[in-house]
Amino acid sequence: MSNKQPFGQHVRALRRARGVTQDRLAELSKLSADTIRRLEHGAFSPSLETLNKLCGGLGISLTTLFDSFELNDGRERKLLVDLVASRSVREVEMITRVVRTLVDELDAIAAAAGAEE
């Protein structure tokens, strides 16, 4: 399998994590929807200019795009950080409260399961 397809899957994951369609990402990136589709399917090798536009549409840096691709380990954490980085302080505070509540619930479930053993 070539590196084009996994990179395309990476771009697709970044787009989906932001909850945008290919058409919307094309709009945000000032690229054609066909370019986004072809990129996600690994149909071509994008130029640096195309990648810069893509990053603009995703709201991430070029470094983040490549780091998150190369460091596939921890990919979900990187996606989460990217999602939060583009939000306002108020939104980050809200996200933090939600995540904290979720983690507390997960800890409670794990503690209950440990107590049953």
Protein backbone atom coordinates (compact mmCIF):
# COMPACT_ATOMS: atom_id res chain seq x y z
CA MET A 1 0.00 0.00 0.00
CA SER A 2 1.40 3.43 -0.89
CA ASN A 3 1.74 6.29 1.56
CA LYS A 4 -0.81 8.26 -0.47
CA GLN A 5 -3.80 6.28 0.76
CA PRO A 6 -2.94 6.43 4.48
CA PHE A 7 -2.27 10.17 4.14
CA GLY A 8 -5.63 10.57 2.45
CA GLN A 9 -7.27 8.63 5.27
CA HIS A 10 -5.49 10.93 7.72
CA VAL A 11 -6.90 14.00 5.95
CA ARG A 12 -10.37 12.41 5.99
CA ALA A 13 -10.09 11.74 9.74
CA LEU A 14 -9.04 15.34 10.39
CA ARG A 15 -11.97 16.61 8.33
CA ARG A 16 -14.49 14.33 10.01
CA ALA A 17 -13.16 15.22 13.46
CA ARG A 18 -14.14 18.79 12.66
CA GLY A 19 -17.58 17.72 11.50
CA VAL A 20 -17.27 19.24 8.04
CA THR A 21 -18.15 17.82 4.65
CA GLN A 22 -15.72 17.60 1.78
CA ASP A 23 -17.57 20.48 0.13
CA ARG A 24 -17.31 22.64 3.25
CA LEU A 25 -13.60 21.86 3.66
CA ALA A 26 -13.08 22.78 0.02
CA GLU A 27 -14.80 26.09 0.67
CA LEU A 28 -12.76 26.77 3.82
CA SER A 29 -9.54 25.76 2.07
CA LYS A 30 -10.24 27.64 -1.14
CA LEU A 31 -9.75 24.37 -3.02
CA SER A 32 -12.16 22.49 -5.24
CA ALA A 33 -14.31 19.75 -3.76
CA ASP A 34 -12.79 17.43 -6.36
CA THR A 35 -9.32 18.22 -4.99
CA ILE A 36 -10.46 17.27 -1.48
CA ARG A 37 -12.02 14.03 -2.74
CA ARG A 38 -8.93 13.10 -4.77
CA LEU A 39 -6.66 13.93 -1.85
CA GLU A 40 -8.66 11.76 0.55
CA HIS A 41 -8.54 8.87 -1.93
CA GLY A 42 -4.79 9.21 -2.46
CA ALA A 43 -5.30 9.93 -6.16
CA PHE A 44 -2.49 12.50 -6.37
CA SER A 45 0.43 14.02 -4.49
CA PRO A 46 -0.56 17.53 -3.40
CA SER A 47 1.75 20.49 -3.80
CA LEU A 48 2.96 22.48 -0.82
CA GLU A 49 0.55 25.25 -1.81
CA THR A 50 -2.37 22.79 -1.77
CA LEU A 51 -1.29 21.45 1.63
CA ASN A 52 -1.04 24.98 3.03
CA LYS A 53 -4.56 25.76 1.80
CA LEU A 54 -5.81 22.48 3.25
CA CYS A 55 -4.26 23.30 6.62
CA GLY A 56 -5.90 26.71 6.52
CA GLY A 57 -9.27 25.07 5.97
CA LEU A 58 -8.68 22.58 8.78
CA GLY A 59 -7.43 25.28 11.11
CA ILE A 60 -4.09 23.56 11.77
CA SER A 61 -0.46 24.21 10.93
CA LEU A 62 1.45 22.28 8.30
CA THR A 63 3.65 20.96 11.12
CA THR A 64 0.60 19.61 12.93
CA LEU A 65 -0.65 17.96 9.74
CA PHE A 66 2.60 16.06 9.27
CA ASP A 67 3.34 15.43 12.95
CA SER A 68 -0.06 13.87 13.50
CA PHE A 69 0.41 11.73 10.37
CA GLU A 70 3.94 10.60 11.23
CA LEU A 71 3.23 10.04 14.91
CA ASN A 72 0.25 7.81 14.21
CA ASP A 73 0.72 6.72 17.82
CA GLY A 74 -1.31 9.17 19.88
CA ARG A 75 -3.24 10.26 16.81
CA GLU A 76 -6.52 10.60 18.66
CA ARG A 77 -4.91 12.80 21.29
CA LYS A 78 -3.46 15.03 18.60
CA LEU A 79 -6.86 15.29 16.89
CA LEU A 80 -8.45 16.26 20.18
CA VAL A 81 -5.83 18.95 20.77
CA ASP A 82 -6.34 20.28 17.23
CA LEU A 83 -10.09 20.44 17.73
CA VAL A 84 -9.79 22.33 21.00
CA ALA A 85 -7.03 24.67 19.77
CA SER A 86 -9.34 26.45 17.36
CA ARG A 87 -11.99 27.20 20.01
CA SER A 88 -12.53 30.25 22.17
CA VAL A 89 -11.52 30.34 25.84
CA ARG A 90 -15.16 29.95 26.87
CA GLU A 91 -15.61 26.93 24.59
CA VAL A 92 -12.39 25.34 25.90
CA GLU A 93 -13.68 25.76 29.46
CA MET A 94 -16.93 24.04 28.49
CA ILE A 95 -15.07 21.21 26.72
CA THR A 96 -12.86 20.78 29.79
CA ARG A 97 -15.90 20.44 32.07
CA VAL A 98 -17.47 17.85 29.78
CA VAL A 99 -14.25 15.83 29.47
CA ARG A 100 -13.60 16.04 33.22
CA THR A 101 -17.12 14.71 33.91
CA LEU A 102 -16.62 11.90 31.40
CA VAL A 103 -13.24 10.92 32.88
CA ASP A 104 -14.71 10.96 36.41
CA GLU A 105 -17.48 8.62 35.24
CA LEU A 106 -14.95 6.29 33.59
CA ASP A 107 -12.87 6.24 36.79
CA ALA A 108 -15.98 5.43 38.84
CA ILE A 109 -16.87 2.56 36.51
CA ALA A 110 -13.31 1.19 36.69
CA ALA A 111 -13.31 1.48 40.50
CA ALA A 112 -16.64 -0.34 40.73
CA ALA A 113 -15.38 -3.10 38.46
CA GLY A 114 -12.21 -3.40 40.57
CA ALA A 115 -14.23 -3.63 43.77
CA GLU A 116 -16.26 -6.52 42.34
CA GLU A 117 -13.14 -8.60 41.69
